[in-house]
Amino acid sequence: LKARGRSFDGAVIKKLPGRVTIQFERMIKIPKYERYEKRKTKIHARLPDCIKHDVDVGDLISIDETRPISKTIHFVVSKVIKKVEAKE
C-alpha cells in the first residue's frame, strides 16, 4: 500500500489477524488555564503479511496514512522501531 499524509509512532496495545491497534500520548494546550494536559489516542492500522511475525503487543512501531481500507482502518504499519523484551 502506498503511504501518504501523516505518520505516527506508538505502542501496540492489541494485535488481531490483519490489523493492530496502537496508542500514543499527545499534549493539548488548555488556553483557559494556560496549561497542558496529556491525552491518549488509539489508531487501528493494517498489518501486512510480510511483517506480521515481527510485531507483538508492547512493541513500538511506525504507521503511515494510506487510502481507506475499511471503516476504521486508514493507516498501515511501515516499520518496527523497538521490540519489547520477552519476560522469562
N, C-alpha and C. Protein backbone atom coordinates (compact mmCIF):
# COMPACT_ATOMS: atom_id res chain seq x y z
N LEU A 1 0.84 -1.19 0.00
CA LEU A 1 0.00 0.00 0.00
C LEU A 1 0.88 1.25 0.00
N LYS A 2 0.47 2.25 -0.74
CA LYS A 2 1.23 3.48 -0.81
C LYS A 2 0.95 4.33 0.41
N ALA A 3 2.00 4.90 0.97
CA ALA A 3 1.86 5.77 2.13
C ALA A 3 1.72 7.21 1.67
N ARG A 4 0.91 7.97 2.38
CA ARG A 4 0.73 9.38 2.09
C ARG A 4 0.25 10.07 3.35
N GLY A 5 0.42 11.35 3.46
CA GLY A 5 -0.13 12.09 4.59
C GLY A 5 0.66 11.91 5.87
N ARG A 6 -0.05 11.76 6.97
CA ARG A 6 0.56 11.77 8.31
C ARG A 6 1.19 10.43 8.67
N SER A 7 2.09 10.47 9.64
CA SER A 7 2.68 9.25 10.20
C SER A 7 2.81 9.41 11.71
N PHE A 8 2.66 8.30 12.42
CA PHE A 8 2.70 8.31 13.88
C PHE A 8 3.55 7.16 14.38
N ASP A 9 4.08 7.32 15.60
CA ASP A 9 4.78 6.25 16.31
C ASP A 9 3.98 5.95 17.56
N GLY A 10 3.81 4.67 17.86
CA GLY A 10 3.05 4.31 19.05
C GLY A 10 3.30 2.87 19.45
N ALA A 11 2.82 2.54 20.65
CA ALA A 11 2.99 1.20 21.19
C ALA A 11 1.78 0.34 20.81
N VAL A 12 2.03 -0.91 20.46
CA VAL A 12 0.96 -1.84 20.10
C VAL A 12 0.25 -2.27 21.38
N ILE A 13 -1.08 -2.06 21.42
CA ILE A 13 -1.84 -2.48 22.59
C ILE A 13 -2.72 -3.67 22.29
N LYS A 14 -2.98 -3.94 21.00
CA LYS A 14 -3.80 -5.09 20.63
C LYS A 14 -3.39 -5.57 19.25
N LYS A 15 -3.26 -6.89 19.10
CA LYS A 15 -2.92 -7.47 17.80
C LYS A 15 -4.00 -8.45 17.40
N LEU A 16 -4.57 -8.22 16.22
CA LEU A 16 -5.61 -9.08 15.68
C LEU A 16 -5.16 -9.56 14.30
N PRO A 17 -5.81 -10.56 13.74
CA PRO A 17 -5.41 -11.02 12.40
C PRO A 17 -5.58 -9.91 11.37
N GLY A 18 -4.47 -9.47 10.79
CA GLY A 18 -4.53 -8.46 9.74
C GLY A 18 -4.51 -7.02 10.20
N ARG A 19 -4.54 -6.78 11.51
CA ARG A 19 -4.50 -5.40 11.99
C ARG A 19 -3.97 -5.31 13.41
N VAL A 20 -3.52 -4.11 13.76
CA VAL A 20 -3.06 -3.83 15.12
C VAL A 20 -3.71 -2.53 15.58
N THR A 21 -3.73 -2.33 16.89
CA THR A 21 -4.17 -1.08 17.47
C THR A 21 -3.00 -0.49 18.22
N ILE A 22 -2.69 0.78 17.92
CA ILE A 22 -1.60 1.44 18.63
C ILE A 22 -2.16 2.56 19.48
N GLN A 23 -1.39 2.96 20.48
CA GLN A 23 -1.79 4.04 21.36
C GLN A 23 -0.58 4.92 21.60
N PHE A 24 -0.80 6.25 21.58
CA PHE A 24 0.27 7.18 21.91
C PHE A 24 -0.32 8.38 22.63
N GLU A 25 0.53 9.10 23.34
CA GLU A 25 0.10 10.27 24.10
C GLU A 25 0.48 11.54 23.35
N ARG A 26 -0.37 12.56 23.52
CA ARG A 26 -0.08 13.86 22.94
C ARG A 26 -0.42 14.92 23.97
N MET A 27 0.19 16.10 23.83
CA MET A 27 -0.04 17.20 24.76
C MET A 27 -1.00 18.20 24.12
N ILE A 28 -2.07 18.55 24.84
CA ILE A 28 -3.07 19.50 24.38
C ILE A 28 -3.02 20.72 25.30
N LYS A 29 -2.96 21.91 24.70
CA LYS A 29 -2.95 23.13 25.50
C LYS A 29 -4.38 23.53 25.86
N ILE A 30 -4.60 23.85 27.13
CA ILE A 30 -5.88 24.34 27.62
C ILE A 30 -5.73 25.85 27.80
N PRO A 31 -6.23 26.65 26.86
CA PRO A 31 -5.98 28.10 26.91
C PRO A 31 -6.55 28.77 28.17
N LYS A 32 -7.70 28.31 28.64
CA LYS A 32 -8.33 28.94 29.81
C LYS A 32 -7.42 28.88 31.03
N TYR A 33 -6.76 27.73 31.23
CA TYR A 33 -5.93 27.53 32.41
C TYR A 33 -4.44 27.74 32.11
N GLU A 34 -4.09 28.01 30.86
CA GLU A 34 -2.70 28.22 30.43
C GLU A 34 -1.81 27.06 30.85
N ARG A 35 -2.32 25.86 30.65
CA ARG A 35 -1.58 24.64 30.98
C ARG A 35 -1.79 23.61 29.88
N TYR A 36 -1.03 22.52 30.01
CA TYR A 36 -1.14 21.42 29.06
C TYR A 36 -1.66 20.19 29.76
N GLU A 37 -2.32 19.31 29.01
CA GLU A 37 -2.75 18.03 29.56
C GLU A 37 -2.41 16.93 28.57
N LYS A 38 -2.19 15.74 29.10
CA LYS A 38 -1.91 14.58 28.26
C LYS A 38 -3.21 13.93 27.84
N ARG A 39 -3.28 13.56 26.55
CA ARG A 39 -4.42 12.79 26.06
C ARG A 39 -3.89 11.62 25.26
N LYS A 40 -4.61 10.51 25.32
CA LYS A 40 -4.21 9.31 24.60
C LYS A 40 -5.04 9.16 23.34
N THR A 41 -4.41 8.66 22.29
CA THR A 41 -5.08 8.43 21.02
C THR A 41 -4.86 6.98 20.60
N LYS A 42 -5.94 6.33 20.17
CA LYS A 42 -5.85 4.96 19.64
C LYS A 42 -6.11 5.01 18.14
N ILE A 43 -5.29 4.27 17.38
CA ILE A 43 -5.45 4.20 15.94
C ILE A 43 -5.32 2.74 15.51
N HIS A 44 -6.21 2.32 14.61
CA HIS A 44 -6.13 0.98 14.02
C HIS A 44 -5.30 1.06 12.75
N ALA A 45 -4.46 0.05 12.52
CA ALA A 45 -3.61 0.04 11.34
C ALA A 45 -3.57 -1.36 10.74
N ARG A 46 -3.45 -1.40 9.43
CA ARG A 46 -3.33 -2.66 8.68
C ARG A 46 -1.98 -3.27 8.96
N LEU A 47 -1.94 -4.58 9.20
CA LEU A 47 -0.70 -5.30 9.46
C LEU A 47 -0.38 -6.18 8.26
N PRO A 48 0.57 -5.78 7.41
CA PRO A 48 0.89 -6.58 6.22
C PRO A 48 1.45 -7.95 6.59
N ASP A 49 1.25 -8.92 5.70
CA ASP A 49 1.70 -10.28 5.94
C ASP A 49 3.21 -10.38 6.06
N CYS A 50 3.95 -9.47 5.40
CA CYS A 50 5.41 -9.56 5.39
C CYS A 50 6.03 -9.23 6.75
N ILE A 51 5.33 -8.49 7.61
CA ILE A 51 5.91 -8.16 8.92
C ILE A 51 5.02 -8.58 10.09
N LYS A 52 4.02 -9.42 9.83
CA LYS A 52 3.11 -9.78 10.92
C LYS A 52 3.77 -10.62 12.01
N HIS A 53 4.85 -11.34 11.68
CA HIS A 53 5.54 -12.14 12.69
C HIS A 53 6.54 -11.32 13.49
N ASP A 54 6.86 -10.12 13.04
CA ASP A 54 7.81 -9.26 13.74
C ASP A 54 7.15 -8.36 14.78
N VAL A 55 5.84 -8.21 14.72
CA VAL A 55 5.13 -7.29 15.61
C VAL A 55 4.43 -8.06 16.72
N ASP A 56 4.64 -7.63 17.97
CA ASP A 56 3.97 -8.20 19.12
C ASP A 56 3.41 -7.08 19.98
N VAL A 57 2.55 -7.42 20.93
CA VAL A 57 1.98 -6.43 21.84
C VAL A 57 3.10 -5.82 22.68
N GLY A 58 3.12 -4.49 22.76
CA GLY A 58 4.14 -3.77 23.52
C GLY A 58 5.23 -3.17 22.65
N ASP A 59 5.36 -3.61 21.40
CA ASP A 59 6.39 -3.07 20.50
C ASP A 59 6.07 -1.64 20.12
N LEU A 60 7.12 -0.86 19.85
CA LEU A 60 6.97 0.49 19.34
C LEU A 60 7.08 0.43 17.83
N ILE A 61 6.03 0.88 17.12
CA ILE A 61 6.01 0.78 15.66
C ILE A 61 5.69 2.14 15.05
N SER A 62 5.95 2.25 13.75
CA SER A 62 5.64 3.45 12.99
C SER A 62 4.54 3.10 11.99
N ILE A 63 3.53 3.98 11.87
CA ILE A 63 2.45 3.77 10.92
C ILE A 63 2.34 4.98 10.01
N ASP A 64 1.90 4.75 8.78
CA ASP A 64 1.71 5.81 7.80
C ASP A 64 0.28 5.80 7.29
N GLU A 65 -0.22 6.97 6.94
CA GLU A 65 -1.57 7.08 6.41
C GLU A 65 -1.63 6.54 4.99
N THR A 66 -2.74 5.93 4.64
CA THR A 66 -2.95 5.36 3.32
C THR A 66 -4.41 5.54 2.93
N ARG A 67 -4.81 4.99 1.83
CA ARG A 67 -6.22 5.07 1.43
C ARG A 67 -7.08 4.33 2.45
N PRO A 68 -8.36 4.64 2.56
CA PRO A 68 -9.23 3.92 3.49
C PRO A 68 -9.33 2.44 3.11
N ILE A 69 -8.99 1.57 4.05
CA ILE A 69 -9.04 0.13 3.82
C ILE A 69 -10.37 -0.44 4.33
N SER A 70 -10.86 0.11 5.42
CA SER A 70 -12.16 -0.28 5.96
C SER A 70 -12.74 0.92 6.71
N LYS A 71 -13.81 0.69 7.43
CA LYS A 71 -14.46 1.78 8.17
C LYS A 71 -13.53 2.41 9.19
N THR A 72 -12.71 1.62 9.86
CA THR A 72 -11.85 2.14 10.92
C THR A 72 -10.36 2.16 10.57
N ILE A 73 -9.95 1.53 9.50
CA ILE A 73 -8.52 1.42 9.18
C ILE A 73 -8.15 2.34 8.03
N HIS A 74 -7.30 3.35 8.34
CA HIS A 74 -6.79 4.28 7.34
C HIS A 74 -5.28 4.38 7.40
N PHE A 75 -4.63 3.48 8.14
CA PHE A 75 -3.18 3.50 8.30
C PHE A 75 -2.62 2.12 8.03
N VAL A 76 -1.33 2.07 7.74
CA VAL A 76 -0.64 0.80 7.51
C VAL A 76 0.67 0.82 8.29
N VAL A 77 1.06 -0.32 8.85
CA VAL A 77 2.31 -0.43 9.60
C VAL A 77 3.47 -0.36 8.62
N SER A 78 4.42 0.57 8.89
CA SER A 78 5.55 0.72 7.97
C SER A 78 6.82 0.07 8.50
N LYS A 79 7.08 0.17 9.82
CA LYS A 79 8.29 -0.47 10.36
C LYS A 79 8.18 -0.64 11.87
N VAL A 80 9.02 -1.53 12.37
CA VAL A 80 9.12 -1.76 13.82
C VAL A 80 10.31 -0.94 14.32
N ILE A 81 10.05 -0.07 15.28
CA ILE A 81 11.11 0.79 15.80
C ILE A 81 11.86 0.11 16.93
N LYS A 82 11.11 -0.47 17.88
CA LYS A 82 11.73 -1.10 19.05
C LYS A 82 10.91 -2.31 19.48
N LYS A 83 11.58 -3.43 19.64
CA LYS A 83 10.92 -4.65 20.11
C LYS A 83 10.86 -4.66 21.63
N VAL A 84 9.80 -5.24 22.17
CA VAL A 84 9.68 -5.40 23.61
C VAL A 84 10.47 -6.66 23.99
N GLU A 85 11.12 -6.60 25.13
CA GLU A 85 11.90 -7.75 25.57
C GLU A 85 10.99 -8.77 26.22
N ALA A 86 11.17 -10.02 25.88
CA ALA A 86 10.33 -11.10 26.41
C ALA A 86 10.68 -11.37 27.87
N LYS A 87 9.66 -11.52 28.69
CA LYS A 87 9.87 -11.83 30.11
C LYS A 87 10.04 -13.34 30.24
N GLU A 88 10.99 -13.73 31.08
CA GLU A 88 11.24 -15.17 31.28
C GLU A 88 10.92 -15.58 32.68
